[in-house]
Amino acid sequence: STITVMNKIYFNKDGNIKYYFFKIMNPSVPLEKKREFERVLNKFSANIKLDLQRDSQFAQCGKTKYLNY
């Protein structure tokens, strides 16, 4: 089975993540696991920078599917 996550990531013009919004679409995922995912995502997004420069802020959105082991 898979777990589907909707993502919307806002970047500043230097490629740093400004905001990272997500929603886990599977109702069967327990709240504890959603909070764990949020903690991991917060740690990840604090240290990631795209090697990309723009004239203004930009956003990327999409859907991700993870295998559920």
N, C-alpha and C. Protein backbone atom coordinates (compact mmCIF):
# COMPACT_ATOMS: atom_id res chain seq x y z
N SER A 1 0.84 -1.19 0.00
CA SER A 1 0.00 0.00 0.00
C SER A 1 0.88 1.25 0.00
N THR A 2 0.28 2.38 -0.24
CA THR A 2 1.01 3.64 -0.27
C THR A 2 0.37 4.67 0.64
N ILE A 3 1.17 5.67 1.00
CA ILE A 3 0.68 6.82 1.76
C ILE A 3 0.85 8.03 0.85
N THR A 4 -0.22 8.77 0.64
CA THR A 4 -0.21 9.92 -0.25
C THR A 4 -0.12 11.21 0.57
N VAL A 5 0.80 12.09 0.17
CA VAL A 5 1.00 13.36 0.86
C VAL A 5 0.94 14.48 -0.18
N MET A 6 0.09 15.46 0.08
CA MET A 6 0.04 16.67 -0.74
C MET A 6 1.03 17.66 -0.13
N ASN A 7 1.85 18.29 -0.99
CA ASN A 7 2.89 19.21 -0.54
C ASN A 7 2.74 20.56 -1.21
N LYS A 8 3.03 21.62 -0.48
CA LYS A 8 3.19 22.95 -1.06
C LYS A 8 4.36 23.59 -0.34
N ILE A 9 5.40 23.91 -1.11
CA ILE A 9 6.63 24.43 -0.54
C ILE A 9 6.85 25.83 -1.09
N TYR A 10 7.02 26.79 -0.19
CA TYR A 10 7.30 28.17 -0.58
C TYR A 10 8.78 28.44 -0.33
N PHE A 11 9.44 28.98 -1.33
CA PHE A 11 10.86 29.29 -1.26
C PHE A 11 11.07 30.79 -1.33
N ASN A 12 12.13 31.28 -0.65
CA ASN A 12 12.51 32.66 -0.89
C ASN A 12 13.32 32.71 -2.17
N LYS A 13 13.68 33.88 -2.64
CA LYS A 13 14.34 33.98 -3.95
C LYS A 13 15.75 33.40 -3.97
N ASP A 14 16.32 33.10 -2.79
CA ASP A 14 17.65 32.48 -2.73
C ASP A 14 17.60 30.96 -2.70
N GLY A 15 16.39 30.37 -2.71
CA GLY A 15 16.26 28.92 -2.74
C GLY A 15 16.06 28.27 -1.38
N ASN A 16 15.99 29.06 -0.31
CA ASN A 16 15.72 28.51 1.02
C ASN A 16 14.22 28.29 1.21
N ILE A 17 13.86 27.25 1.93
CA ILE A 17 12.45 26.99 2.22
C ILE A 17 11.95 27.99 3.25
N LYS A 18 10.88 28.69 2.89
CA LYS A 18 10.26 29.66 3.79
C LYS A 18 9.11 29.00 4.56
N TYR A 19 8.26 28.27 3.84
CA TYR A 19 7.14 27.54 4.43
C TYR A 19 7.02 26.19 3.74
N TYR A 20 6.62 25.19 4.49
CA TYR A 20 6.39 23.86 3.92
C TYR A 20 5.07 23.35 4.49
N PHE A 21 4.06 23.29 3.66
CA PHE A 21 2.75 22.78 4.08
C PHE A 21 2.56 21.39 3.50
N PHE A 22 1.91 20.53 4.28
CA PHE A 22 1.62 19.19 3.78
C PHE A 22 0.33 18.69 4.41
N LYS A 23 -0.25 17.72 3.73
CA LYS A 23 -1.44 17.04 4.26
C LYS A 23 -1.34 15.58 3.89
N ILE A 24 -1.37 14.72 4.89
CA ILE A 24 -1.37 13.28 4.65
C ILE A 24 -2.80 12.88 4.32
N MET A 25 -2.99 12.32 3.14
CA MET A 25 -4.33 12.07 2.63
C MET A 25 -4.98 10.79 3.15
N ASN A 26 -4.18 9.87 3.66
CA ASN A 26 -4.72 8.59 4.13
C ASN A 26 -5.32 8.74 5.54
N PRO A 27 -6.62 8.53 5.69
CA PRO A 27 -7.23 8.66 7.02
C PRO A 27 -6.75 7.59 8.00
N SER A 28 -6.17 6.51 7.49
CA SER A 28 -5.72 5.42 8.37
C SER A 28 -4.38 5.72 9.06
N VAL A 29 -3.70 6.78 8.66
CA VAL A 29 -2.41 7.11 9.29
C VAL A 29 -2.69 7.73 10.65
N PRO A 30 -2.16 7.14 11.73
CA PRO A 30 -2.43 7.66 13.07
C PRO A 30 -1.79 9.04 13.30
N LEU A 31 -2.39 9.80 14.19
CA LEU A 31 -1.92 11.14 14.52
C LEU A 31 -0.46 11.12 14.98
N GLU A 32 -0.07 10.11 15.71
CA GLU A 32 1.32 9.99 16.18
C GLU A 32 2.30 9.95 15.01
N LYS A 33 1.97 9.22 13.96
CA LYS A 33 2.84 9.12 12.78
C LYS A 33 2.84 10.42 11.99
N LYS A 34 1.70 11.11 11.94
CA LYS A 34 1.64 12.41 11.27
C LYS A 34 2.54 13.41 11.99
N ARG A 35 2.53 13.41 13.29
CA ARG A 35 3.39 14.31 14.07
C ARG A 35 4.87 13.95 13.90
N GLU A 36 5.17 12.66 13.83
CA GLU A 36 6.55 12.23 13.60
C GLU A 36 7.03 12.71 12.23
N PHE A 37 6.18 12.58 11.22
CA PHE A 37 6.52 13.06 9.88
C PHE A 37 6.76 14.57 9.90
N GLU A 38 5.93 15.29 10.63
CA GLU A 38 6.08 16.74 10.74
C GLU A 38 7.43 17.11 11.38
N ARG A 39 7.83 16.39 12.43
CA ARG A 39 9.13 16.66 13.08
C ARG A 39 10.29 16.42 12.11
N VAL A 40 10.24 15.32 11.39
CA VAL A 40 11.29 15.00 10.42
C VAL A 40 11.33 16.06 9.32
N LEU A 41 10.16 16.45 8.84
CA LEU A 41 10.07 17.45 7.78
C LEU A 41 10.59 18.80 8.24
N ASN A 42 10.30 19.19 9.46
CA ASN A 42 10.81 20.46 10.00
C ASN A 42 12.33 20.45 10.07
N LYS A 43 12.90 19.35 10.51
CA LYS A 43 14.36 19.23 10.59
C LYS A 43 14.97 19.28 9.19
N PHE A 44 14.37 18.55 8.26
CA PHE A 44 14.85 18.52 6.88
C PHE A 44 14.79 19.90 6.25
N SER A 45 13.64 20.56 6.36
CA SER A 45 13.44 21.84 5.66
C SER A 45 14.28 22.97 6.23
N ALA A 46 14.75 22.85 7.47
CA ALA A 46 15.60 23.88 8.07
C ALA A 46 17.00 23.87 7.46
N ASN A 47 17.40 22.74 6.87
CA ASN A 47 18.77 22.59 6.37
C ASN A 47 18.90 22.47 4.86
N ILE A 48 17.81 22.60 4.14
CA ILE A 48 17.84 22.40 2.69
C ILE A 48 17.79 23.73 1.96
N LYS A 49 18.61 23.85 0.94
CA LYS A 49 18.58 25.02 0.07
C LYS A 49 18.74 24.54 -1.37
N LEU A 50 17.84 25.00 -2.24
CA LEU A 50 17.97 24.69 -3.66
C LEU A 50 19.07 25.54 -4.25
N ASP A 51 19.84 24.97 -5.14
CA ASP A 51 20.87 25.72 -5.85
C ASP A 51 20.19 26.43 -7.01
N LEU A 52 19.33 27.40 -6.66
CA LEU A 52 18.51 28.08 -7.64
C LEU A 52 18.22 29.48 -7.12
N GLN A 53 18.39 30.46 -7.96
CA GLN A 53 18.11 31.85 -7.60
C GLN A 53 17.02 32.39 -8.52
N ARG A 54 16.09 33.12 -7.96
CA ARG A 54 15.01 33.73 -8.73
C ARG A 54 14.95 35.22 -8.40
N ASP A 55 14.21 35.97 -9.21
CA ASP A 55 14.02 37.39 -8.93
C ASP A 55 13.00 37.63 -7.83
N SER A 56 12.17 36.62 -7.56
CA SER A 56 11.14 36.74 -6.52
C SER A 56 10.94 35.37 -5.87
N GLN A 57 10.13 35.37 -4.82
CA GLN A 57 9.82 34.11 -4.15
C GLN A 57 9.06 33.21 -5.12
N PHE A 58 9.10 31.90 -4.86
CA PHE A 58 8.39 30.96 -5.72
C PHE A 58 7.89 29.79 -4.89
N ALA A 59 7.01 29.00 -5.48
CA ALA A 59 6.41 27.87 -4.78
C ALA A 59 6.40 26.64 -5.68
N GLN A 60 6.36 25.50 -5.04
CA GLN A 60 6.24 24.22 -5.74
C GLN A 60 5.19 23.40 -5.01
N CYS A 61 4.27 22.83 -5.72
CA CYS A 61 3.27 21.98 -5.08
C CYS A 61 3.15 20.68 -5.86
N GLY A 62 2.65 19.67 -5.17
CA GLY A 62 2.49 18.38 -5.82
C GLY A 62 2.08 17.32 -4.82
N LYS A 63 2.03 16.11 -5.33
CA LYS A 63 1.60 14.96 -4.54
C LYS A 63 2.75 13.95 -4.53
N THR A 64 2.99 13.36 -3.37
CA THR A 64 4.03 12.34 -3.20
C THR A 64 3.38 11.07 -2.69
N LYS A 65 3.83 9.93 -3.20
CA LYS A 65 3.36 8.64 -2.70
C LYS A 65 4.54 7.89 -2.11
N TYR A 66 4.40 7.45 -0.88
CA TYR A 66 5.42 6.69 -0.19
C TYR A 66 4.92 5.25 -0.03
N LEU A 67 5.83 4.30 -0.21
CA LEU A 67 5.46 2.91 0.06
C LEU A 67 5.28 2.70 1.55
N ASN A 68 4.26 1.98 1.92
CA ASN A 68 3.96 1.69 3.32
C ASN A 68 4.42 0.27 3.63
N TYR A 69 5.54 0.17 4.33
CA TYR A 69 6.09 -1.15 4.66
C TYR A 69 5.52 -1.68 5.94
